[in-house]
Protein backbone atom coordinates (compact mmCIF):
# COMPACT_ATOMS: atom_id res chain seq x y z
CA UNK A 1 -102.45 11.24 37.22
CA UNK A 2 -100.58 14.05 39.00
CA UNK A 3 -100.94 17.45 37.33
CA UNK A 4 -99.54 20.83 38.42
CA UNK A 5 -101.69 23.91 38.54
CA UNK A 6 -101.25 26.46 35.77
CA UNK A 7 -100.58 30.16 36.26
CA UNK A 8 -103.96 31.21 37.54
CA UNK A 9 -103.63 34.91 38.32
CA UNK A 10 -103.62 37.22 35.31
CA UNK A 11 -100.93 39.31 37.00
CA UNK A 12 -98.56 36.35 36.72
CA UNK A 13 -99.05 36.05 32.97
CA UNK A 14 -96.99 37.93 30.44
CA UNK A 15 -96.86 37.02 26.75
CA UNK A 16 -98.28 33.59 27.57
CA UNK A 17 -95.63 32.78 30.16
CA UNK A 18 -95.52 33.02 33.93
CA UNK A 19 -93.02 35.50 35.32
CA UNK A 20 -90.26 34.81 37.83
CA UNK A 21 -92.83 35.16 40.62
CA UNK A 22 -94.27 31.79 39.59
CA UNK A 23 -94.81 29.33 42.43
CA UNK A 24 -92.38 26.67 41.25
CA UNK A 25 -93.20 24.34 44.14
CA UNK A 26 -96.58 23.55 42.59
CA UNK A 27 -94.74 21.83 39.72
CA UNK A 28 -92.67 19.54 41.94
CA UNK A 29 -94.25 16.15 42.62
CA UNK A 30 -93.53 14.75 46.09
CA UNK A 31 -93.35 10.97 46.39
CA UNK A 32 -93.48 9.68 49.98
CA UNK A 33 -91.31 6.78 51.14
CA UNK A 34 -89.11 6.71 48.03
CA UNK A 35 -86.48 5.33 47.67
CA UNK A 36 -86.99 4.13 51.25
CA UNK A 37 -89.44 4.69 54.11
CA UNK A 38 -89.28 8.15 55.64
CA UNK A 39 -87.92 9.89 52.53
CA UNK A 40 -90.02 12.51 50.73
CA UNK A 41 -88.66 12.37 47.17
CA UNK A 42 -88.87 15.71 45.31
CA UNK A 43 -89.43 14.84 41.65
CA UNK A 44 -88.32 17.69 39.36
CA UNK A 45 -89.26 15.85 36.15
CA UNK A 46 -92.81 17.16 36.52
CA UNK A 47 -91.52 20.74 36.36
CA UNK A 48 -89.30 19.89 33.40
CA UNK A 49 -92.31 18.40 31.56
CA UNK A 50 -94.16 21.73 31.64
CA UNK A 51 -92.79 24.06 28.95
CA UNK A 52 -93.84 27.28 30.68
CA UNK A 53 -92.54 26.23 34.10
CA UNK A 54 -89.24 25.00 32.62
CA UNK A 55 -88.67 28.23 30.68
CA UNK A 56 -89.53 30.34 33.73
CA UNK A 57 -87.26 28.23 35.95
CA UNK A 58 -84.32 28.59 33.55
CA UNK A 59 -84.91 32.36 33.40
CA UNK A 60 -84.98 32.57 37.19
CA UNK A 61 -81.89 30.38 37.62
CA UNK A 62 -79.99 32.50 35.10
CA UNK A 63 -81.09 35.88 36.50
CA UNK A 64 -78.34 36.37 39.14
CA UNK A 65 -75.65 35.61 36.56
CA UNK A 66 -76.80 37.71 33.60
CA UNK A 67 -74.21 40.34 32.81
CA UNK A 68 -71.49 38.39 34.62
CA UNK A 69 -68.71 36.64 32.77
CA UNK A 70 -69.55 32.92 32.78
CA UNK A 71 -67.29 30.88 30.48
CA UNK A 72 -68.71 27.44 31.24
CA UNK A 73 -71.72 25.91 32.94
CA UNK A 74 -70.81 22.56 34.54
CA UNK A 75 -73.80 20.21 34.85
CA UNK A 76 -73.86 17.16 37.11
CA UNK A 77 -75.03 13.83 35.66
CA UNK A 78 -77.91 13.56 34.79
CA UNK A 79 -80.64 16.15 35.44
CA UNK A 80 -77.91 18.78 35.78
CA UNK A 81 -77.27 18.22 32.07
CA UNK A 82 -80.79 19.34 31.17
CA UNK A 83 -80.68 22.46 33.32
CA UNK A 84 -77.02 23.17 32.68
CA UNK A 85 -77.34 22.99 28.91
CA UNK A 86 -80.26 25.40 28.94
CA UNK A 87 -78.44 27.77 31.31
CA UNK A 88 -75.32 27.68 29.14
CA UNK A 89 -77.39 28.87 26.17
CA UNK A 90 -79.08 31.57 28.28
CA UNK A 91 -75.74 32.85 29.58
CA UNK A 92 -73.80 32.56 26.31
CA UNK A 93 -71.45 30.00 27.87
CA UNK A 94 -70.10 26.59 26.98
CA UNK A 95 -71.19 23.41 28.74
CA UNK A 96 -69.02 20.95 30.70
CA UNK A 97 -70.35 17.50 31.66
CA UNK A 98 -69.55 16.04 35.08
CA UNK A 99 -70.31 12.37 34.55
CA UNK A 100 -70.53 9.05 36.34
CA UNK A 101 -67.65 6.56 35.79
CA UNK A 102 -67.09 5.02 32.37
CA UNK A 103 -69.06 7.60 30.38
CA UNK A 104 -66.34 9.95 29.11
CA UNK A 105 -64.03 8.77 26.31
CA UNK A 106 -60.94 10.89 27.02
CA UNK A 107 -58.58 11.31 29.99
CA UNK A 108 -60.43 12.41 33.10
CA UNK A 109 -60.09 13.83 36.57
CA UNK A 110 -62.17 11.93 39.11
CA UNK A 111 -63.52 12.64 42.58
CA UNK A 112 -65.04 10.08 44.93
CA UNK A 113 -67.91 11.01 47.23
CA UNK A 114 -69.87 9.26 49.94
CA UNK A 115 -73.35 7.83 49.47
CA UNK A 116 -75.60 6.47 52.18
CA UNK A 117 -74.52 2.97 51.16
CA UNK A 118 -71.00 3.14 49.73
CA UNK A 119 -69.32 5.59 47.39
CA UNK A 120 -69.60 6.90 43.84
CA UNK A 121 -67.47 9.04 41.53
CA UNK A 122 -67.76 12.01 39.22
CA UNK A 123 -65.47 12.42 36.21
CA UNK A 124 -64.58 15.34 33.97
CA UNK A 125 -62.34 15.53 30.90
CA UNK A 126 -58.92 16.90 31.85
CA UNK A 127 -59.09 19.38 28.95
CA UNK A 128 -62.71 20.50 29.50
CA UNK A 129 -61.71 23.80 31.10
CA UNK A 130 -58.94 26.34 30.88
CA UNK A 131 -57.28 27.70 34.02
CA UNK A 132 -59.18 30.77 35.18
CA UNK A 133 -62.45 29.86 33.43
CA UNK A 134 -65.43 31.34 35.26
CA UNK A 135 -67.72 28.38 35.93
CA UNK A 136 -71.28 27.98 37.22
CA UNK A 137 -71.95 24.56 38.80
CA UNK A 138 -75.51 23.28 38.22
CA UNK A 139 -77.69 20.41 39.39
CA UNK A 140 -81.39 19.85 39.94
CA UNK A 141 -81.29 19.47 43.71
CA UNK A 142 -78.91 19.90 46.62
CA UNK A 143 -79.39 17.60 49.61
CA UNK A 144 -76.34 16.53 51.64
CA UNK A 145 -74.04 18.21 49.11
CA UNK A 146 -71.69 15.28 48.52
CA UNK A 147 -72.15 15.18 44.77
CA UNK A 148 -71.94 18.96 44.40
CA UNK A 149 -68.83 19.06 46.56
CA UNK A 150 -67.21 16.41 44.33
CA UNK A 151 -68.13 18.54 41.31
CA UNK A 152 -66.59 21.60 42.92
CA UNK A 153 -63.37 19.70 43.62
CA UNK A 154 -63.19 18.54 39.99
CA UNK A 155 -63.60 22.08 38.70
CA UNK A 156 -60.96 23.40 41.07
CA UNK A 157 -58.54 20.64 40.04
CA UNK A 158 -58.83 22.08 36.54
CA UNK A 159 -57.93 25.48 38.07
CA UNK A 160 -61.33 26.93 37.21
CA UNK A 161 -62.85 29.79 39.20
CA UNK A 162 -66.22 28.49 40.44
CA UNK A 163 -68.37 31.61 40.78
CA UNK A 164 -71.49 29.92 42.20
CA UNK A 165 -73.66 26.81 42.30
CA UNK A 166 -77.29 26.87 41.13
CA UNK A 167 -80.09 24.41 41.87
CA UNK A 168 -83.82 24.14 41.33
CA UNK A 169 -84.38 22.69 44.82
CA UNK A 170 -82.58 22.99 48.14
CA UNK A 171 -83.28 20.58 51.02
CA UNK A 172 -81.80 22.80 53.75
CA UNK A 173 -82.33 20.31 56.58
CA UNK A 174 -79.68 18.08 54.96
CA UNK A 175 -77.04 20.83 54.98
CA UNK A 176 -75.69 20.64 51.43
CA UNK A 177 -75.91 24.35 50.64
CA UNK A 178 -74.08 25.19 53.87
CA UNK A 179 -71.44 22.61 52.96
CA UNK A 180 -70.76 24.44 49.68
CA UNK A 181 -70.77 27.82 51.39
CA UNK A 182 -67.99 26.55 53.66
CA UNK A 183 -65.92 26.26 50.47
CA UNK A 184 -66.63 29.92 49.68
CA UNK A 185 -69.27 29.17 47.04
CA UNK A 186 -72.42 31.25 46.60
CA UNK A 187 -75.49 28.98 46.36
CA UNK A 188 -78.59 30.00 44.39
CA UNK A 189 -81.75 27.87 44.47
CA UNK A 190 -85.30 28.58 43.33
CA UNK A 191 -87.13 26.82 46.16
CA UNK A 192 -86.57 24.84 49.31
CA UNK A 193 -88.43 22.01 51.02
CA UNK A 194 -88.10 21.17 54.70
CA UNK A 195 -87.56 17.62 55.85
CA UNK A 196 -85.98 14.78 53.91
């Protein structure tokens, strides 16, 4: 069974928790050749399963935005809900769900984005945000950036002001963070992994 290391240096411990200098990568399980040969899948559920690592990660993700006006945190289906909900509480903001098709009961905006094999969509309630809301876009990982870009377009259709996008993991070789930056969005991630 895969197990992450714990905080081992006393200097990293404070009141029973690791500080922001925690090595978050040690909590990410890498699964080779999933979902297809040549892919190194970065599994964030192993970080989420560790209470200390999860709390420290949320603290570190929230840090650049503390003291800023954030009205809503928009989380992308599905792991973005876990992180986004926790960040909303940390930042004193509301939470907006960006969901896959057929999951929201009210009128929605939708944005289509490209997948390796076909397309998918993200949806958001048309009344989820008010014009001018300061919004933080959140997901677990940014790879090619297609899903995050669709989320950004949804938020902008609602006339929200997207202040930044935050992720646990960036896969910089796939260019997603740069894709968001081309839209004028600041990108904050806790760690990056080279390769696919």
